[in-house]
Amino acid sequence: MDYLVSHKKSISIISIKSERGTVKDASAVKDAIDKEIEAGFPNIVIDMHELTFVDSNFLGSLVTGLKHAIKAGGDLRLVGFQQPVKTMFELTRLYNIFRIYEDQNEAIESFSKPEED
């Protein structure tokens, strides 16, 4: 899996540079998240603009990454769903556990706002 990592306002941004998130990419995304947490960046934004497909293994790695981020005192936010990816999150009801945004700036700014119930 190809991805780029950048940092803004002490938040790690992992931009996925692939069209498909599959079983072969699941461990890479989980490792990328864990690496950022270990480097002191527990607040993470995953930019998924280029993904047109995600499978259950890839989704599982995002859930694991979310758990690790929360355990480290941070959070994991998602941005940029194309319609097939959005549909997968709706079918699996994962939109109930992730905070999902349209763009990176909106997700980054959300870290400085109080939590909504």
PDB file of N, CA and C in Angstrom:
ATOM      1  N   MET A   1       0.844  -1.178   0.000  1.00  0.00           N
ATOM      2  CA  MET A   1       0.000   0.000   0.000  1.00  0.00           C
ATOM      3  C   MET A   1       0.884   1.234   0.000  1.00  0.00           C
ATOM      4  N   ASP A   2       0.554   2.155  -0.854  1.00  0.00           N
ATOM      5  CA  ASP A   2       1.265   3.418  -0.895  1.00  0.00           C
ATOM      6  C   ASP A   2       0.522   4.429  -0.036  1.00  0.00           C
ATOM      7  N   TYR A   3       1.292   5.202   0.739  1.00  0.00           N
ATOM      8  CA  TYR A   3       0.705   6.254   1.543  1.00  0.00           C
ATOM      9  C   TYR A   3       1.759   7.310   1.831  1.00  0.00           C
ATOM     10  N   LEU A   4       1.293   8.493   2.153  1.00  0.00           N
ATOM     11  CA  LEU A   4       2.162   9.603   2.547  1.00  0.00           C
ATOM     12  C   LEU A   4       1.776  10.035   3.949  1.00  0.00           C
ATOM     13  N   VAL A   5       2.772  10.404   4.737  1.00  0.00           N
ATOM     14  CA  VAL A   5       2.523  10.891   6.092  1.00  0.00           C
ATOM     15  C   VAL A   5       2.978  12.342   6.175  1.00  0.00           C
ATOM     16  N   SER A   6       2.138  13.173   6.755  1.00  0.00           N
ATOM     17  CA  SER A   6       2.499  14.561   7.025  1.00  0.00           C
ATOM     18  C   SER A   6       1.962  14.910   8.402  1.00  0.00           C
ATOM     19  N   HIS A   7       2.379  16.076   8.901  1.00  0.00           N
ATOM     20  CA  HIS A   7       1.941  16.508  10.229  1.00  0.00           C
ATOM     21  C   HIS A   7       1.484  17.959  10.158  1.00  0.00           C
ATOM     22  N   LYS A   8       0.393  18.233  10.864  1.00  0.00           N
ATOM     23  CA  LYS A   8      -0.136  19.591  10.935  1.00  0.00           C
ATOM     24  C   LYS A   8      -0.769  19.761  12.303  1.00  0.00           C
ATOM     25  N   LYS A   9      -0.355  20.798  13.028  1.00  0.00           N
ATOM     26  CA  LYS A   9      -0.891  21.069  14.367  1.00  0.00           C
ATOM     27  C   LYS A   9      -0.765  19.841  15.271  1.00  0.00           C
ATOM     28  N   SER A  10       0.367  19.182  15.251  1.00  0.00           N
ATOM     29  CA  SER A  10       0.665  17.979  16.045  1.00  0.00           C
ATOM     30  C   SER A  10      -0.286  16.812  15.757  1.00  0.00           C
ATOM     31  N   ILE A  11      -0.871  16.821  14.576  1.00  0.00           N
ATOM     32  CA  ILE A  11      -1.754  15.748  14.133  1.00  0.00           C
ATOM     33  C   ILE A  11      -1.098  15.064  12.946  1.00  0.00           C
ATOM     34  N   SER A  12      -1.114  13.750  12.974  1.00  0.00           N
ATOM     35  CA  SER A  12      -0.561  12.973  11.868  1.00  0.00           C
ATOM     36  C   SER A  12      -1.636  12.777  10.810  1.00  0.00           C
ATOM     37  N   ILE A  13      -1.258  13.011   9.559  1.00  0.00           N
ATOM     38  CA  ILE A  13      -2.169  12.799   8.436  1.00  0.00           C
ATOM     39  C   ILE A  13      -1.572  11.695   7.569  1.00  0.00           C
ATOM     40  N   ILE A  14      -2.302  10.601   7.463  1.00  0.00           N
ATOM     41  CA  ILE A  14      -1.874   9.488   6.622  1.00  0.00           C
ATOM     42  C   ILE A  14      -2.779   9.494   5.400  1.00  0.00           C
ATOM     43  N   SER A  15      -2.199   9.832   4.251  1.00  0.00           N
ATOM     44  CA  SER A  15      -2.955   9.889   3.001  1.00  0.00           C
ATOM     45  C   SER A  15      -2.725   8.602   2.223  1.00  0.00           C
ATOM     46  N   ILE A  16      -3.785   7.832   2.059  1.00  0.00           N
ATOM     47  CA  ILE A  16      -3.710   6.578   1.327  1.00  0.00           C
ATOM     48  C   ILE A  16      -3.593   6.895  -0.165  1.00  0.00           C
ATOM     49  N   LYS A  17      -2.591   6.322  -0.812  1.00  0.00           N
ATOM     50  CA  LYS A  17      -2.343   6.572  -2.235  1.00  0.00           C
ATOM     51  C   LYS A  17      -2.586   5.319  -3.057  1.00  0.00           C
ATOM     52  N   SER A  18      -3.705   4.690  -2.803  1.00  0.00           N
ATOM     53  CA  SER A  18      -4.105   3.488  -3.528  1.00  0.00           C
ATOM     54  C   SER A  18      -5.596   3.571  -3.814  1.00  0.00           C
ATOM     55  N   GLU A  19      -6.038   2.841  -4.834  1.00  0.00           N
ATOM     56  CA  GLU A  19      -7.462   2.813  -5.147  1.00  0.00           C
ATOM     57  C   GLU A  19      -8.202   1.753  -4.351  1.00  0.00           C
ATOM     58  N   ARG A  20      -7.468   0.721  -3.898  1.00  0.00           N
ATOM     59  CA  ARG A  20      -8.125  -0.396  -3.223  1.00  0.00           C
ATOM     60  C   ARG A  20      -7.462  -0.651  -1.875  1.00  0.00           C
ATOM     61  N   GLY A  21      -8.290  -0.799  -0.858  1.00  0.00           N
ATOM     62  CA  GLY A  21      -7.815  -1.172   0.470  1.00  0.00           C
ATOM     63  C   GLY A  21      -8.255  -2.599   0.748  1.00  0.00           C
ATOM     64  N   THR A  22      -7.319  -3.525   0.629  1.00  0.00           N
ATOM     65  CA  THR A  22      -7.659  -4.947   0.734  1.00  0.00           C
ATOM     66  C   THR A  22      -6.838  -5.623   1.830  1.00  0.00           C
ATOM     67  N   VAL A  23      -7.003  -6.933   1.923  1.00  0.00           N
ATOM     68  CA  VAL A  23      -6.305  -7.722   2.929  1.00  0.00           C
ATOM     69  C   VAL A  23      -4.794  -7.500   2.850  1.00  0.00           C
ATOM     70  N   LYS A  24      -4.259  -7.342   1.649  1.00  0.00           N
ATOM     71  CA  LYS A  24      -2.814  -7.145   1.523  1.00  0.00           C
ATOM     72  C   LYS A  24      -2.364  -5.774   2.045  1.00  0.00           C
ATOM     73  N   ASP A  25      -3.292  -4.839   2.181  1.00  0.00           N
ATOM     74  CA  ASP A  25      -2.968  -3.494   2.665  1.00  0.00           C
ATOM     75  C   ASP A  25      -3.290  -3.304   4.141  1.00  0.00           C
ATOM     76  N   ALA A  26      -4.048  -4.216   4.709  1.00  0.00           N
ATOM     77  CA  ALA A  26      -4.542  -4.057   6.078  1.00  0.00           C
ATOM     78  C   ALA A  26      -3.414  -3.909   7.083  1.00  0.00           C
ATOM     79  N   SER A  27      -2.412  -4.768   7.018  1.00  0.00           N
ATOM     80  CA  SER A  27      -1.327  -4.678   7.997  1.00  0.00           C
ATOM     81  C   SER A  27      -0.486  -3.423   7.780  1.00  0.00           C
ATOM     82  N   ALA A  28      -0.356  -2.977   6.530  1.00  0.00           N
ATOM     83  CA  ALA A  28       0.423  -1.766   6.257  1.00  0.00           C
ATOM     84  C   ALA A  28      -0.234  -0.529   6.874  1.00  0.00           C
ATOM     85  N   VAL A  29      -1.557  -0.430   6.769  1.00  0.00           N
ATOM     86  CA  VAL A  29      -2.229   0.741   7.345  1.00  0.00           C
ATOM     87  C   VAL A  29      -2.178   0.679   8.872  1.00  0.00           C
ATOM     88  N   LYS A  30      -2.343  -0.512   9.440  1.00  0.00           N
ATOM     89  CA  LYS A  30      -2.252  -0.651  10.895  1.00  0.00           C
ATOM     90  C   LYS A  30      -0.847  -0.304  11.374  1.00  0.00           C
ATOM     91  N   ASP A  31       0.170  -0.760  10.656  1.00  0.00           N
ATOM     92  CA  ASP A  31       1.559  -0.455  11.017  1.00  0.00           C
ATOM     93  C   ASP A  31       1.850   1.044  10.905  1.00  0.00           C
ATOM     94  N   ALA A  32       1.302   1.687   9.864  1.00  0.00           N
ATOM     95  CA  ALA A  32       1.498   3.130   9.696  1.00  0.00           C
ATOM     96  C   ALA A  32       0.883   3.901  10.858  1.00  0.00           C
ATOM     97  N   ILE A  33      -0.302   3.489  11.282  1.00  0.00           N
ATOM     98  CA  ILE A  33      -0.973   4.129  12.420  1.00  0.00           C
ATOM     99  C   ILE A  33      -0.152   3.928  13.689  1.00  0.00           C
ATOM    100  N   ASP A  34       0.263   2.688  13.928  1.00  0.00           N
ATOM    101  CA  ASP A  34       1.050   2.391  15.130  1.00  0.00           C
ATOM    102  C   ASP A  34       2.368   3.152  15.146  1.00  0.00           C
ATOM    103  N   LYS A  35       2.994   3.277  13.994  1.00  0.00           N
ATOM    104  CA  LYS A  35       4.264   4.016  13.896  1.00  0.00           C
ATOM    105  C   LYS A  35       4.066   5.485  14.292  1.00  0.00           C
ATOM    106  N   GLU A  36       2.984   6.079  13.845  1.00  0.00           N
ATOM    107  CA  GLU A  36       2.708   7.483  14.184  1.00  0.00           C
ATOM    108  C   GLU A  36       2.414   7.636  15.676  1.00  0.00           C
ATOM    109  N   ILE A  37       1.686   6.697  16.239  1.00  0.00           N
ATOM    110  CA  ILE A  37       1.395   6.744  17.676  1.00  0.00           C
ATOM    111  C   ILE A  37       2.690   6.633  18.471  1.00  0.00           C
ATOM    112  N   GLU A  38       3.553   5.694  18.084  1.00  0.00           N
ATOM    113  CA  GLU A  38       4.834   5.514  18.771  1.00  0.00           C
ATOM    114  C   GLU A  38       5.735   6.735  18.633  1.00  0.00           C
ATOM    115  N   ALA A  39       5.570   7.487  17.549  1.00  0.00           N
ATOM    116  CA  ALA A  39       6.361   8.700  17.330  1.00  0.00           C
ATOM    117  C   ALA A  39       5.790   9.898  18.084  1.00  0.00           C
ATOM    118  N   GLY A  40       4.712   9.688  18.843  1.00  0.00           N
ATOM    119  CA  GLY A  40       4.140  10.767  19.641  1.00  0.00           C
ATOM    120  C   GLY A  40       2.993  11.502  18.982  1.00  0.00           C
ATOM    121  N   PHE A  41       2.369  10.883  17.985  1.00  0.00           N
ATOM    122  CA  PHE A  41       1.234  11.490  17.293  1.00  0.00           C
ATOM    123  C   PHE A  41      -0.003  10.612  17.449  1.00  0.00           C
ATOM    124  N   PRO A  42      -0.667  10.647  18.628  1.00  0.00           N
ATOM    125  CA  PRO A  42      -1.837   9.790  18.826  1.00  0.00           C
ATOM    126  C   PRO A  42      -3.102  10.305  18.137  1.00  0.00           C
ATOM    127  N   ASN A  43      -3.102  11.563  17.687  1.00  0.00           N
ATOM    128  CA  ASN A  43      -4.231  12.100  16.931  1.00  0.00           C
ATOM    129  C   ASN A  43      -3.918  11.950  15.446  1.00  0.00           C
ATOM    130  N   ILE A  44      -4.763  11.181  14.762  1.00  0.00           N
ATOM    131  CA  ILE A  44      -4.468  10.790  13.393  1.00  0.00           C
ATOM    132  C   ILE A  44      -5.675  11.023  12.499  1.00  0.00           C
ATOM    133  N   VAL A  45      -5.401  11.518  11.302  1.00  0.00           N
ATOM    134  CA  VAL A  45      -6.407  11.645  10.251  1.00  0.00           C
ATOM    135  C   VAL A  45      -5.988  10.706   9.123  1.00  0.00           C
ATOM    136  N   ILE A  46      -6.906   9.849   8.702  1.00  0.00           N
ATOM    137  CA  ILE A  46      -6.664   8.987   7.555  1.00  0.00           C
ATOM    138  C   ILE A  46      -7.421   9.574   6.368  1.00  0.00           C
ATOM    139  N   ASP A  47      -6.682  10.012   5.348  1.00  0.00           N
ATOM    140  CA  ASP A  47      -7.280  10.582   4.149  1.00  0.00           C
ATOM    141  C   ASP A  47      -7.476   9.458   3.132  1.00  0.00           C
ATOM    142  N   MET A  48      -8.732   9.192   2.815  1.00  0.00           N
ATOM    143  CA  MET A  48      -9.089   8.056   1.970  1.00  0.00           C
ATOM    144  C   MET A  48      -9.649   8.497   0.611  1.00  0.00           C
ATOM    145  N   HIS A  49      -9.325   9.720   0.175  1.00  0.00           N
ATOM    146  CA  HIS A  49      -9.882  10.254  -1.069  1.00  0.00           C
ATOM    147  C   HIS A  49      -9.666   9.358  -2.286  1.00  0.00           C
ATOM    148  N   GLU A  50      -8.525   8.669  -2.355  1.00  0.00           N
ATOM    149  CA  GLU A  50      -8.213   7.892  -3.555  1.00  0.00           C
ATOM    150  C   GLU A  50      -8.795   6.480  -3.533  1.00  0.00           C
ATOM    151  N   LEU A  51      -9.283   6.038  -2.373  1.00  0.00           N
ATOM    152  CA  LEU A  51      -9.819   4.683  -2.272  1.00  0.00           C
ATOM    153  C   LEU A  51     -11.203   4.578  -2.914  1.00  0.00           C
ATOM    154  N   THR A  52     -11.351   3.586  -3.780  1.00  0.00           N
ATOM    155  CA  THR A  52     -12.665   3.318  -4.381  1.00  0.00           C
ATOM    156  C   THR A  52     -13.234   1.996  -3.875  1.00  0.00           C
ATOM    157  N   PHE A  53     -12.441   1.257  -3.095  1.00  0.00           N
ATOM    158  CA  PHE A  53     -12.877  -0.022  -2.559  1.00  0.00           C
ATOM    159  C   PHE A  53     -12.147  -0.307  -1.257  1.00  0.00           C
ATOM    160  N   VAL A  54     -12.857  -0.825  -0.273  1.00  0.00           N
ATOM    161  CA  VAL A  54     -12.242  -1.320   0.963  1.00  0.00           C
ATOM    162  C   VAL A  54     -12.904  -2.645   1.314  1.00  0.00           C
ATOM    163  N   ASP A  55     -12.086  -3.601   1.783  1.00  0.00           N
ATOM    164  CA  ASP A  55     -12.665  -4.869   2.214  1.00  0.00           C
ATOM    165  C   ASP A  55     -12.711  -4.929   3.737  1.00  0.00           C
ATOM    166  N   SER A  56     -13.250  -6.014   4.257  1.00  0.00           N
ATOM    167  CA  SER A  56     -13.438  -6.137   5.701  1.00  0.00           C
ATOM    168  C   SER A  56     -12.114  -6.170   6.458  1.00  0.00           C
ATOM    169  N   ASN A  57     -11.073  -6.710   5.860  1.00  0.00           N
ATOM    170  CA  ASN A  57      -9.765  -6.737   6.519  1.00  0.00           C
ATOM    171  C   ASN A  57      -9.201  -5.328   6.677  1.00  0.00           C
ATOM    172  N   PHE A  58      -9.352  -4.517   5.644  1.00  0.00           N
ATOM    173  CA  PHE A  58      -8.893  -3.135   5.700  1.00  0.00           C
ATOM    174  C   PHE A  58      -9.686  -2.362   6.752  1.00  0.00           C
ATOM    175  N   LEU A  59     -11.004  -2.574   6.774  1.00  0.00           N
ATOM    176  CA  LEU A  59     -11.841  -1.917   7.780  1.00  0.00           C
ATOM    177  C   LEU A  59     -11.426  -2.341   9.182  1.00  0.00           C
ATOM    178  N   GLY A  60     -11.111  -3.617   9.354  1.00  0.00           N
ATOM    179  CA  GLY A  60     -10.658  -4.117  10.653  1.00  0.00           C
ATOM    180  C   GLY A  60      -9.378  -3.446  11.108  1.00  0.00           C
ATOM    181  N   SER A  61      -8.478  -3.170  10.164  1.00  0.00           N
ATOM    182  CA  SER A  61      -7.224  -2.497  10.530  1.00  0.00           C
ATOM    183  C   SER A  61      -7.495  -1.064  10.986  1.00  0.00           C
ATOM    184  N   LEU A  62      -8.498  -0.410  10.409  1.00  0.00           N
ATOM    185  CA  LEU A  62      -8.865   0.936  10.856  1.00  0.00           C
ATOM    186  C   LEU A  62      -9.456   0.899  12.261  1.00  0.00           C
ATOM    187  N   VAL A  63     -10.272  -0.111  12.541  1.00  0.00           N
ATOM    188  CA  VAL A  63     -10.848  -0.263  13.881  1.00  0.00           C
ATOM    189  C   VAL A  63      -9.727  -0.502  14.898  1.00  0.00           C
ATOM    190  N   THR A  64      -8.785  -1.365  14.560  1.00  0.00           N
ATOM    191  CA  THR A  64      -7.639  -1.620  15.448  1.00  0.00           C
ATOM    192  C   THR A  64      -6.840  -0.344  15.654  1.00  0.00           C
ATOM    193  N   GLY A  65      -6.615   0.405  14.584  1.00  0.00           N
ATOM    194  CA  GLY A  65      -5.898   1.678  14.693  1.00  0.00           C
ATOM    195  C   GLY A  65      -6.615   2.661  15.589  1.00  0.00           C
ATOM    196  N   LEU A  66      -7.944   2.713  15.487  1.00  0.00           N
ATOM    197  CA  LEU A  66      -8.737   3.584  16.353  1.00  0.00           C
ATOM    198  C   LEU A  66      -8.554   3.190  17.814  1.00  0.00           C
ATOM    199  N   LYS A  67      -8.624   1.900  18.089  1.00  0.00           N
ATOM    200  CA  LYS A  67      -8.431   1.424  19.462  1.00  0.00           C
ATOM    201  C   LYS A  67      -7.055   1.810  19.996  1.00  0.00           C
ATOM    202  N   HIS A  68      -6.017   1.654  19.175  1.00  0.00           N
ATOM    203  CA  HIS A  68      -4.658   2.000  19.607  1.00  0.00           C
ATOM    204  C   HIS A  68      -4.516   3.501  19.846  1.00  0.00           C
ATOM    205  N   ALA A  69      -5.119   4.303  18.976  1.00  0.00           N
ATOM    206  CA  ALA A  69      -5.056   5.760  19.146  1.00  0.00           C
ATOM    207  C   ALA A  69      -5.744   6.189  20.434  1.00  0.00           C
ATOM    208  N   ILE A  70      -6.916   5.637  20.704  1.00  0.00           N
ATOM    209  CA  ILE A  70      -7.643   5.988  21.926  1.00  0.00           C
ATOM    210  C   ILE A  70      -6.857   5.551  23.155  1.00  0.00           C
ATOM    211  N   LYS A  71      -6.275   4.367  23.105  1.00  0.00           N
ATOM    212  CA  LYS A  71      -5.473   3.871  24.226  1.00  0.00           C
ATOM    213  C   LYS A  71      -4.282   4.793  24.502  1.00  0.00           C
ATOM    214  N   ALA A  72      -3.762   5.417  23.444  1.00  0.00           N
ATOM    215  CA  ALA A  72      -2.623   6.331  23.583  1.00  0.00           C
ATOM    216  C   ALA A  72      -3.069   7.750  23.943  1.00  0.00           C
ATOM    217  N   GLY A  73      -4.370   7.954  24.159  1.00  0.00           N
ATOM    218  CA  GLY A  73      -4.879   9.270  24.539  1.00  0.00           C
ATOM    219  C   GLY A  73      -5.268  10.143  23.362  1.00  0.00           C
ATOM    220  N   GLY A  74      -5.363   9.557  22.179  1.00  0.00           N
ATOM    221  CA  GLY A  74      -5.712  10.331  20.998  1.00  0.00           C
ATOM    222  C   GLY A  74      -6.996   9.845  20.359  1.00  0.00           C
ATOM    223  N   ASP A  75      -7.094  10.051  19.050  1.00  0.00           N
ATOM    224  CA  ASP A  75      -8.267   9.631  18.298  1.00  0.00           C
ATOM    225  C   ASP A  75      -7.858   9.470  16.847  1.00  0.00           C
ATOM    226  N   LEU A  76      -8.697   8.796  16.090  1.00  0.00           N
ATOM    227  CA  LEU A  76      -8.461   8.587  14.667  1.00  0.00           C
ATOM    228  C   LEU A  76      -9.701   9.047  13.925  1.00  0.00           C
ATOM    229  N   ARG A  77      -9.501   9.925  12.950  1.00  0.00           N
ATOM    230  CA  ARG A  77     -10.605  10.479  12.170  1.00  0.00           C
ATOM    231  C   ARG A  77     -10.386  10.116  10.703  1.00  0.00           C
ATOM    232  N   LEU A  78     -11.462   9.995   9.962  1.00  0.00           N
ATOM    233  CA  LEU A  78     -11.406   9.601   8.561  1.00  0.00           C
ATOM    234  C   LEU A  78     -11.944  10.709   7.679  1.00  0.00           C
ATOM    235  N   VAL A  79     -11.362  10.844   6.486  1.00  0.00           N
ATOM    236  CA  VAL A  79     -11.832  11.859   5.536  1.00  0.00           C
ATOM    237  C   VAL A  79     -11.845  11.301   4.114  1.00  0.00           C
ATOM    238  N   GLY A  80     -12.708  11.896   3.288  1.00  0.00           N
ATOM    239  CA  GLY A  80     -12.665  11.697   1.855  1.00  0.00           C
ATOM    240  C   GLY A  80     -13.230  10.403   1.326  1.00  0.00           C
ATOM    241  N   PHE A  81     -14.453  10.087   1.668  1.00  0.00           N
ATOM    242  CA  PHE A  81     -15.052   8.844   1.168  1.00  0.00           C
ATOM    243  C   PHE A  81     -15.624   9.025  -0.235  1.00  0.00           C
ATOM    244  N   GLN A  82     -15.226   8.152  -1.143  1.00  0.00           N
ATOM    245  CA  GLN A  82     -15.927   8.027  -2.405  1.00  0.00           C
ATOM    246  C   GLN A  82     -17.157   7.154  -2.136  1.00  0.00           C
ATOM    247  N   GLN A  83     -18.143   7.204  -3.007  1.00  0.00           N
ATOM    248  CA  GLN A  83     -19.424   6.547  -2.750  1.00  0.00           C
ATOM    249  C   GLN A  83     -19.307   5.052  -2.408  1.00  0.00           C
ATOM    250  N   PRO A  84     -18.484   4.257  -3.108  1.00  0.00           N
ATOM    251  CA  PRO A  84     -18.405   2.830  -2.733  1.00  0.00           C
ATOM    252  C   PRO A  84     -17.865   2.608  -1.317  1.00  0.00           C
ATOM    253  N   VAL A  85     -16.942   3.439  -0.895  1.00  0.00           N
ATOM    254  CA  VAL A  85     -16.386   3.328   0.459  1.00  0.00           C
ATOM    255  C   VAL A  85     -17.426   3.777   1.480  1.00  0.00           C
ATOM    256  N   LYS A  86     -18.117   4.850   1.175  1.00  0.00           N
ATOM    257  CA  LYS A  86     -19.192   5.327   2.056  1.00  0.00           C
ATOM    258  C   LYS A  86     -20.251   4.248   2.235  1.00  0.00           C
ATOM    259  N   THR A  87     -20.606   3.576   1.150  1.00  0.00           N
ATOM    260  CA  THR A  87     -21.597   2.505   1.215  1.00  0.00           C
ATOM    261  C   THR A  87     -21.128   1.381   2.124  1.00  0.00           C
ATOM    262  N   MET A  88     -19.844   1.021   2.033  1.00  0.00           N
ATOM    263  CA  MET A  88     -19.302  -0.043   2.885  1.00  0.00           C
ATOM    264  C   MET A  88     -19.389   0.349   4.357  1.00  0.00           C
ATOM    265  N   PHE A  89     -19.086   1.606   4.684  1.00  0.00           N
ATOM    266  CA  PHE A  89     -19.187   2.067   6.065  1.00  0.00           C
ATOM    267  C   PHE A  89     -20.637   2.074   6.540  1.00  0.00           C
ATOM    268  N   GLU A  90     -21.560   2.361   5.648  1.00  0.00           N
ATOM    269  CA  GLU A  90     -22.972   2.319   6.013  1.00  0.00           C
ATOM    270  C   GLU A  90     -23.436   0.888   6.238  1.00  0.00           C
ATOM    271  N   LEU A  91     -23.055  -0.022   5.345  1.00  0.00           N
ATOM    272  CA  LEU A  91     -23.456  -1.430   5.468  1.00  0.00           C
ATOM    273  C   LEU A  91     -22.927  -2.064   6.753  1.00  0.00           C
ATOM    274  N   THR A  92     -21.707  -1.707   7.124  1.00  0.00           N
ATOM    275  CA  THR A  92     -21.089  -2.284   8.320  1.00  0.00           C
ATOM    276  C   THR A  92     -21.393  -1.470   9.574  1.00  0.00           C
ATOM    277  N   ARG A  93     -22.047  -0.342   9.410  1.00  0.00           N
ATOM    278  CA  ARG A  93     -22.393   0.576  10.501  1.00  0.00           C
ATOM    279  C   ARG A  93     -21.160   1.144  11.215  1.00  0.00           C
ATOM    280  N   LEU A  94     -20.035   1.133  10.539  1.00  0.00           N
ATOM    281  CA  LEU A  94     -18.824   1.697  11.134  1.00  0.00           C
ATOM    282  C   LEU A  94     -18.879   3.218  11.242  1.00  0.00           C
ATOM    283  N   TYR A  95     -19.802   3.846  10.533  1.00  0.00           N
ATOM    284  CA  TYR A  95     -19.964   5.290  10.679  1.00  0.00           C
ATOM    285  C   TYR A  95     -20.386   5.647  12.104  1.00  0.00           C
ATOM    286  N   ASN A  96     -20.850   4.659  12.865  1.00  0.00           N
ATOM    287  CA  ASN A  96     -21.226   4.900  14.265  1.00  0.00           C
ATOM    288  C   ASN A  96     -20.028   4.996  15.205  1.00  0.00           C
ATOM    289  N   ILE A  97     -18.881   4.451  14.808  1.00  0.00           N
ATOM    290  CA  ILE A  97     -17.728   4.492  15.718  1.00  0.00           C
ATOM    291  C   ILE A  97     -16.630   5.455  15.267  1.00  0.00           C
ATOM    292  N   PHE A  98     -16.639   5.835  13.999  1.00  0.00           N
ATOM    293  CA  PHE A  98     -15.631   6.770  13.496  1.00  0.00           C
ATOM    294  C   PHE A  98     -16.224   8.154  13.321  1.00  0.00           C
ATOM    295  N   ARG A  99     -15.384   9.149  13.514  1.00  0.00           N
ATOM    296  CA  ARG A  99     -15.767  10.516  13.157  1.00  0.00           C
ATOM    297  C   ARG A  99     -15.266  10.732  11.737  1.00  0.00           C
ATOM    298  N   ILE A 100     -16.181  11.034  10.827  1.00  0.00           N
ATOM    299  CA  ILE A 100     -15.901  11.089   9.403  1.00  0.00           C
ATOM    300  C   ILE A 100     -16.140  12.513   8.900  1.00  0.00           C
ATOM    301  N   TYR A 101     -15.196  13.001   8.077  1.00  0.00           N
ATOM    302  CA  TYR A 101     -15.255  14.376   7.577  1.00  0.00           C
ATOM    303  C   TYR A 101     -15.051  14.395   6.073  1.00  0.00           C
ATOM    304  N   GLU A 102     -15.433  15.516   5.470  1.00  0.00           N
ATOM    305  CA  GLU A 102     -15.283  15.686   4.026  1.00  0.00           C
ATOM    306  C   GLU A 102     -13.839  15.960   3.616  1.00  0.00           C
ATOM    307  N   ASP A 103     -13.112  16.752   4.432  1.00  0.00           N
ATOM    308  CA  ASP A 103     -11.745  17.102   4.047  1.00  0.00           C
ATOM    309  C   ASP A 103     -10.811  17.151   5.255  1.00  0.00           C
ATOM    310  N   GLN A 104      -9.530  17.203   4.963  1.00  0.00           N
ATOM    311  CA  GLN A 104      -8.507  17.175   6.007  1.00  0.00           C
ATOM    312  C   GLN A 104      -8.630  18.333   6.980  1.00  0.00           C
ATOM    313  N   ASN A 105      -8.826  19.537   6.475  1.00  0.00           N
ATOM    314  CA  ASN A 105      -8.878  20.704   7.362  1.00  0.00           C
ATOM    315  C   ASN A 105     -10.010  20.604   8.375  1.00  0.00           C
ATOM    316  N   GLU A 106     -11.158  20.136   7.932  1.00  0.00           N
ATOM    317  CA  GLU A 106     -12.300  19.964   8.827  1.00  0.00           C
ATOM    318  C   GLU A 106     -11.963  18.942   9.923  1.00  0.00           C
ATOM    319  N   ALA A 107     -11.319  17.846   9.534  1.00  0.00           N
ATOM    320  CA  ALA A 107     -10.938  16.815  10.505  1.00  0.00           C
ATOM    321  C   ALA A 107      -9.891  17.338  11.475  1.00  0.00           C
ATOM    322  N   ILE A 108      -8.916  18.068  10.980  1.00  0.00           N
ATOM    323  CA  ILE A 108      -7.852  18.619  11.834  1.00  0.00           C
ATOM    324  C   ILE A 108      -8.448  19.591  12.844  1.00  0.00           C
ATOM    325  N   GLU A 109      -9.313  20.468  12.387  1.00  0.00           N
ATOM    326  CA  GLU A 109      -9.942  21.444  13.284  1.00  0.00           C
ATOM    327  C   GLU A 109     -10.820  20.768  14.335  1.00  0.00           C
ATOM    328  N   SER A 110     -11.372  19.618  14.018  1.00  0.00           N
ATOM    329  CA  SER A 110     -12.253  18.932  14.964  1.00  0.00           C
ATOM    330  C   SER A 110     -11.514  18.499  16.230  1.00  0.00           C
ATOM    331  N   PHE A 111     -10.211  18.323  16.145  1.00  0.00           N
ATOM    332  CA  PHE A 111      -9.444  17.936  17.334  1.00  0.00           C
ATOM    333  C   PHE A 111      -9.401  19.050  18.377  1.00  0.00           C
ATOM    334  N   SER A 112      -9.598  20.298  17.953  1.00  0.00           N
ATOM    335  CA  SER A 112      -9.549  21.414  18.897  1.00  0.00           C
ATOM    336  C   SER A 112     -10.933  21.799  19.420  1.00  0.00           C
ATOM    337  N   LYS A 113     -11.967  21.073  18.971  1.00  0.00           N
ATOM    338  CA  LYS A 113     -13.326  21.355  19.428  1.00  0.00           C
ATOM    339  C   LYS A 113     -13.713  20.341  20.501  1.00  0.00           C
ATOM    340  N   PRO A 114     -14.598  20.738  21.416  1.00  0.00           N
ATOM    341  CA  PRO A 114     -15.056  19.786  22.432  1.00  0.00           C
ATOM    342  C   PRO A 114     -15.807  18.623  21.782  1.00  0.00           C
ATOM    343  N   GLU A 115     -15.732  17.478  22.413  1.00  0.00           N
ATOM    344  CA  GLU A 115     -16.425  16.283  21.936  1.00  0.00           C
ATOM    345  C   GLU A 115     -17.920  16.506  21.965  1.00  0.00           C
ATOM    346  N   GLU A 116     -18.608  15.999  20.935  1.00  0.00           N
ATOM    347  CA  GLU A 116     -20.061  16.060  20.889  1.00  0.00           C
ATOM    348  C   GLU A 116     -20.610  14.697  21.244  1.00  0.00           C
ATOM    349  N   ASP A 117     -21.716  14.674  21.937  1.00  0.00           N
ATOM    350  CA  ASP A 117     -22.359  13.399  22.274  1.00  0.00           C
ATOM    351  C   ASP A 117     -23.424  13.050  21.261  1.00  0.00           C
TER     352      ASP A 117
END
